[in-house]
Amino acid sequence: MTDSPENIKSLLDQKVNSFNQIAFIETDPIQIPRQFITKENIEISGFLAATLAWGQRPTIIRNAQRLTGLMNNDPLEFLLQVPEEEWNIFQNFKHRTFNEVDCIGFLRSLRNIYQNHGGLETVFNNGFDQSGSIYGTLIYFRSIFFESDHLHRTEKHVSDVSKGAAAKRLNMFLRWMVRTDRNGVDFGLWKQIPGSALMLPLDIHTGNVARKLGLLTRKQNDWKAVEEITSKLREFDPKDPIKYDFALFGLGVFEGF
């Protein structure tokens, strides 16, 4: 399907209004960080929920809920106060290929970030300050994240955009933290990275809908595709291009477009 840019924008604006609503939270992993009040717990639980965000959505939400529960529903306190010898409570944790070894590696990395780097927001801000782009930010974040002791296998769970990964889960996490949302779905907690710089969390659903609408020509869901579709969305709304994630995802998942 192809149509005029005006008609496509009109359709997408209408669908943003339909899906960018509080009711969206009920079926989305963003409900995990929505259970917390403090900024740090929102960030940590959001990052972990986004990390697990592949597969069936009810399973994602259930496992993310379990993970934060194992952290005594106080992720920051757990990371900074519970000694690693007691982290064996994660020995049976598994979500698809993300297992207890990966979980421990992630917790170590997050602990290092909050003890030595000022927290997740500071790391992402530093990456953006140095590079001026989300691409550079994600490369910088990954380098900091994996400076802690971890097994090589765990590295596959943080996308490497320098190797062409679309980084759907990292871009989704950034949407949650950065995007100012008057409807109360995304948090808008981080103010230093502008919403205009965000990149689309491209997955199979948003990619398929974008291609049907003629907004994406690239066949692979990789970083070049992310750049292509995001540049199109910026033509529709330069300040808040990633609001259209709600429209593309909603059309694909909820309406079978």
Protein backbone atom coordinates (compact mmCIF):
# COMPACT_ATOMS: atom_id res chain seq x y z
CA MET A 1 0.00 0.00 0.00
CA THR A 2 1.19 3.51 -0.81
CA ASP A 3 -0.70 6.76 -0.30
CA SER A 4 0.05 10.44 -0.15
CA PRO A 5 2.23 11.57 2.75
CA GLU A 6 -0.65 13.72 3.99
CA ASN A 7 -3.03 10.75 4.15
CA ILE A 8 -0.43 8.53 5.85
CA LYS A 9 0.29 11.24 8.42
CA SER A 10 -3.44 11.67 9.04
CA LEU A 11 -3.87 7.92 9.58
CA LEU A 12 -0.89 7.69 11.91
CA ASP A 13 -1.93 10.76 13.92
CA GLN A 14 -5.36 9.21 14.37
CA LYS A 15 -3.83 5.92 15.56
CA VAL A 16 -1.45 7.72 17.95
CA ASN A 17 -4.52 9.29 19.55
CA SER A 18 -6.13 5.84 19.78
CA PHE A 19 -3.20 3.89 21.24
CA ASN A 20 -1.16 6.49 23.18
CA GLN A 21 -3.57 6.14 26.11
CA ILE A 22 -3.37 4.89 29.69
CA ALA A 23 -5.19 1.69 28.62
CA PHE A 24 -2.10 0.80 26.54
CA ILE A 25 -0.20 0.17 29.78
CA GLU A 26 -2.42 -2.80 30.70
CA THR A 27 -0.91 -5.03 27.99
CA ASP A 28 2.57 -3.52 27.74
CA PRO A 29 5.84 -4.16 29.65
CA ILE A 30 5.87 -0.46 30.58
CA GLN A 31 3.51 -1.49 33.38
CA ILE A 32 6.54 -2.86 35.27
CA PRO A 33 8.32 0.48 35.85
CA ARG A 34 4.91 2.12 36.29
CA GLN A 35 4.67 0.24 39.62
CA PHE A 36 7.54 2.27 41.09
CA ILE A 37 7.77 5.82 42.38
CA THR A 38 11.46 6.67 42.71
CA LYS A 39 13.38 7.65 39.59
CA GLU A 40 16.12 5.04 40.09
CA ASN A 41 13.68 2.16 40.58
CA ILE A 42 11.72 3.25 37.50
CA GLU A 43 14.96 3.28 35.48
CA ILE A 44 16.29 -0.07 36.70
CA SER A 45 12.98 -1.95 36.49
CA GLY A 46 12.30 -0.35 33.12
CA PHE A 47 15.67 -1.36 31.75
CA LEU A 48 15.22 -4.95 32.93
CA ALA A 49 11.65 -5.13 31.59
CA ALA A 50 12.81 -3.76 28.23
CA THR A 51 15.64 -6.31 28.18
CA LEU A 52 13.10 -9.14 28.47
CA ALA A 53 10.76 -7.61 25.90
CA TRP A 54 10.81 -10.24 23.21
CA GLY A 55 8.31 -13.06 22.82
CA GLN A 56 4.75 -13.28 24.11
CA ARG A 57 3.78 -10.12 25.95
CA PRO A 58 2.04 -11.89 28.89
CA THR A 59 5.21 -13.96 29.41
CA ILE A 60 7.41 -10.87 29.21
CA ILE A 61 5.32 -9.10 31.84
CA ARG A 62 5.15 -12.17 34.11
CA ASN A 63 8.92 -12.73 34.01
CA ALA A 64 9.74 -9.05 34.46
CA GLN A 65 7.40 -9.00 37.44
CA ARG A 66 9.17 -12.04 38.86
CA LEU A 67 12.58 -10.44 38.35
CA THR A 68 11.68 -7.26 40.24
CA GLY A 69 10.01 -9.39 42.91
CA LEU A 70 13.28 -11.27 43.44
CA MET A 71 14.85 -7.84 43.98
CA ASN A 72 12.44 -7.27 46.87
CA ASN A 73 10.52 -4.79 44.69
CA ASP A 74 13.24 -2.24 45.46
CA PRO A 75 15.81 -2.64 42.67
CA LEU A 76 18.20 0.14 43.71
CA GLU A 77 18.28 -0.96 47.34
CA PHE A 78 18.85 -4.55 46.21
CA LEU A 79 21.76 -3.66 43.92
CA LEU A 80 23.54 -1.50 46.47
CA GLN A 81 22.80 -3.36 49.70
CA VAL A 82 22.37 -7.09 49.01
CA PRO A 83 25.78 -8.83 48.74
CA GLU A 84 26.44 -10.90 45.64
CA GLU A 85 26.69 -14.09 47.70
CA GLU A 86 22.92 -13.80 48.18
CA TRP A 87 22.17 -13.43 44.48
CA ASN A 88 21.72 -17.21 44.16
CA ILE A 89 17.97 -16.52 44.35
CA PHE A 90 18.22 -15.94 40.58
CA GLN A 91 19.56 -19.44 39.88
CA ASN A 92 16.27 -20.63 38.37
CA PHE A 93 15.44 -17.42 36.52
CA LYS A 94 15.02 -17.78 32.77
CA HIS A 95 13.35 -15.86 29.97
CA ARG A 96 13.90 -17.50 26.62
CA THR A 97 17.71 -17.43 26.17
CA PHE A 98 18.23 -14.93 29.02
CA ASN A 99 19.18 -17.17 31.95
CA GLU A 100 20.50 -16.86 35.51
CA VAL A 101 24.08 -16.28 34.31
CA ASP A 102 22.94 -13.38 32.14
CA CYS A 103 20.79 -12.05 34.96
CA ILE A 104 23.72 -11.97 37.39
CA GLY A 105 25.87 -10.27 34.75
CA PHE A 106 23.21 -7.62 34.20
CA LEU A 107 22.86 -6.97 37.93
CA ARG A 108 26.63 -6.58 38.27
CA SER A 109 26.66 -4.10 35.41
CA LEU A 110 23.76 -2.11 36.84
CA ARG A 111 25.39 -2.07 40.27
CA ASN A 112 28.59 -0.73 38.71
CA ILE A 113 26.64 1.95 36.84
CA TYR A 114 24.90 3.18 40.01
CA GLN A 115 28.00 2.91 42.21
CA ASN A 116 30.58 4.33 39.82
CA HIS A 117 28.89 6.15 36.93
CA GLY A 118 26.06 8.15 38.49
CA GLY A 119 23.23 5.90 37.28
CA LEU A 120 21.63 4.99 33.96
CA GLU A 121 20.55 8.53 33.09
CA THR A 122 24.07 9.89 33.54
CA VAL A 123 25.57 7.16 31.35
CA PHE A 124 23.08 7.75 28.54
CA ASN A 125 23.46 11.54 28.87
CA ASN A 126 27.24 11.26 28.69
CA GLY A 127 26.97 9.13 25.57
CA PHE A 128 24.65 11.63 23.94
CA ASP A 129 26.81 14.59 24.95
CA GLN A 130 29.85 12.96 23.37
CA SER A 131 28.19 11.79 20.15
CA GLY A 132 25.11 13.95 19.57
CA SER A 133 23.23 10.89 18.33
CA ILE A 134 21.35 7.90 19.70
CA TYR A 135 23.63 5.67 17.60
CA GLY A 136 26.69 6.97 19.42
CA THR A 137 24.84 6.93 22.74
CA LEU A 138 24.05 3.22 22.43
CA ILE A 139 27.65 2.39 21.53
CA TYR A 140 28.89 4.33 24.56
CA PHE A 141 26.31 2.74 26.88
CA ARG A 142 27.23 -0.75 25.77
CA SER A 143 30.92 -0.11 26.46
CA ILE A 144 30.15 1.04 30.01
CA PHE A 145 27.65 -1.74 30.62
CA PHE A 146 30.11 -4.49 29.78
CA GLU A 147 33.11 -3.12 31.66
CA SER A 148 31.95 -5.26 34.64
CA ASP A 149 32.74 -8.96 34.97
CA HIS A 150 30.43 -10.99 32.71
CA LEU A 151 30.39 -14.01 30.42
CA HIS A 152 30.70 -13.41 26.69
CA ARG A 153 27.31 -15.04 26.09
CA THR A 154 25.59 -12.21 28.00
CA GLU A 155 26.73 -9.63 25.44
CA LYS A 156 24.09 -10.80 22.97
CA HIS A 157 21.40 -9.38 25.26
CA VAL A 158 22.51 -5.77 24.72
CA SER A 159 22.23 -4.88 21.04
CA ASP A 160 25.37 -3.71 19.24
CA VAL A 161 24.35 -1.01 16.76
CA SER A 162 27.95 -0.82 15.47
CA LYS A 163 27.25 -4.27 14.00
CA GLY A 164 23.95 -3.15 12.50
CA ALA A 165 21.49 -4.22 15.23
CA ALA A 166 18.14 -2.42 15.27
CA ALA A 167 18.31 -2.19 19.10
CA LYS A 168 14.55 -2.31 19.47
CA ARG A 169 14.61 -2.87 23.23
CA LEU A 170 17.15 -0.12 23.97
CA ASN A 171 15.24 2.34 21.79
CA MET A 172 12.01 1.37 23.54
CA PHE A 173 13.63 1.94 26.94
CA LEU A 174 14.81 5.36 25.77
CA ARG A 175 11.30 6.17 24.54
CA TRP A 176 9.96 5.34 28.00
CA MET A 177 12.55 7.47 29.83
CA VAL A 178 12.93 10.44 27.46
CA ARG A 179 9.69 11.06 25.59
CA THR A 180 7.42 13.66 27.18
CA ASP A 181 3.92 12.23 26.99
CA ARG A 182 0.91 14.31 27.99
CA ASN A 183 -1.20 11.12 28.03
CA GLY A 184 0.88 9.50 30.75
CA VAL A 185 2.26 6.38 29.06
CA ASP A 186 5.94 7.30 28.60
CA PHE A 187 7.67 8.78 31.65
CA GLY A 188 9.67 11.73 30.29
CA LEU A 189 12.00 11.46 33.28
CA TRP A 190 15.20 12.29 31.40
CA LYS A 191 15.39 15.87 30.15
CA GLN A 192 18.86 16.14 28.62
CA ILE A 193 18.30 13.93 25.55
CA PRO A 194 15.72 15.59 23.27
CA GLY A 195 12.71 13.60 22.14
CA SER A 196 13.49 14.74 18.59
CA ALA A 197 16.67 12.61 18.68
CA LEU A 198 14.96 9.34 19.61
CA MET A 199 14.93 6.42 17.17
CA LEU A 200 12.03 4.08 16.43
CA PRO A 201 11.96 0.79 18.40
CA LEU A 202 11.77 -1.23 15.19
CA ASP A 203 10.40 -4.77 15.44
CA ILE A 204 8.60 -7.15 13.12
CA HIS A 205 5.22 -5.44 13.67
CA THR A 206 6.32 -1.83 13.19
CA GLY A 207 8.53 -2.86 10.27
CA ASN A 208 5.75 -4.69 8.45
CA VAL A 209 3.27 -1.84 8.89
CA ALA A 210 5.85 0.75 7.81
CA ARG A 211 6.56 -1.21 4.63
CA LYS A 212 2.86 -1.59 3.82
CA LEU A 213 2.48 2.17 4.20
CA GLY A 214 5.46 2.81 1.94
CA LEU A 215 7.48 4.40 4.75
CA LEU A 216 10.24 1.78 4.73
CA THR A 217 11.89 0.21 1.71
CA ARG A 218 14.72 -1.68 3.41
CA LYS A 219 13.86 -5.36 3.83
CA GLN A 220 15.97 -6.15 6.92
CA ASN A 221 15.01 -4.87 10.36
CA ASP A 222 18.45 -3.45 11.12
CA TRP A 223 19.94 -0.09 12.11
CA LYS A 224 19.82 1.25 8.55
CA ALA A 225 16.09 0.49 8.55
CA VAL A 226 15.73 2.29 11.88
CA GLU A 227 17.41 5.35 10.39
CA GLU A 228 15.24 5.20 7.26
CA ILE A 229 11.88 4.92 9.02
CA THR A 230 12.77 7.41 11.75
CA SER A 231 13.79 10.03 9.17
CA LYS A 232 10.35 9.59 7.55
CA LEU A 233 8.59 9.98 10.90
CA ARG A 234 10.56 13.18 11.59
CA GLU A 235 8.95 14.66 8.47
CA PHE A 236 5.57 14.13 10.16
CA ASP A 237 6.63 15.46 13.57
CA PRO A 238 10.20 16.76 13.96
CA LYS A 239 9.87 17.29 17.71
CA ASP A 240 8.19 13.99 18.65
CA PRO A 241 8.73 11.49 15.82
CA ILE A 242 8.64 8.40 18.04
CA LYS A 243 5.05 9.01 19.11
CA TYR A 244 4.31 7.12 15.89
CA ASP A 245 5.64 3.96 17.52
CA PHE A 246 2.20 3.71 19.14
CA ALA A 247 0.49 3.95 15.75
CA LEU A 248 2.72 1.49 13.88
CA PHE A 249 2.78 -1.02 16.72
CA GLY A 250 -0.94 -0.69 17.41
CA LEU A 251 -1.85 -1.15 13.75
CA GLY A 252 0.29 -4.29 13.58
CA VAL A 253 -0.49 -5.94 16.92
CA PHE A 254 -4.00 -4.82 17.77
CA GLU A 255 -5.51 -4.28 14.31
CA GLY A 256 -3.59 -6.83 12.23
CA PHE A 257 -2.92 -4.21 9.57
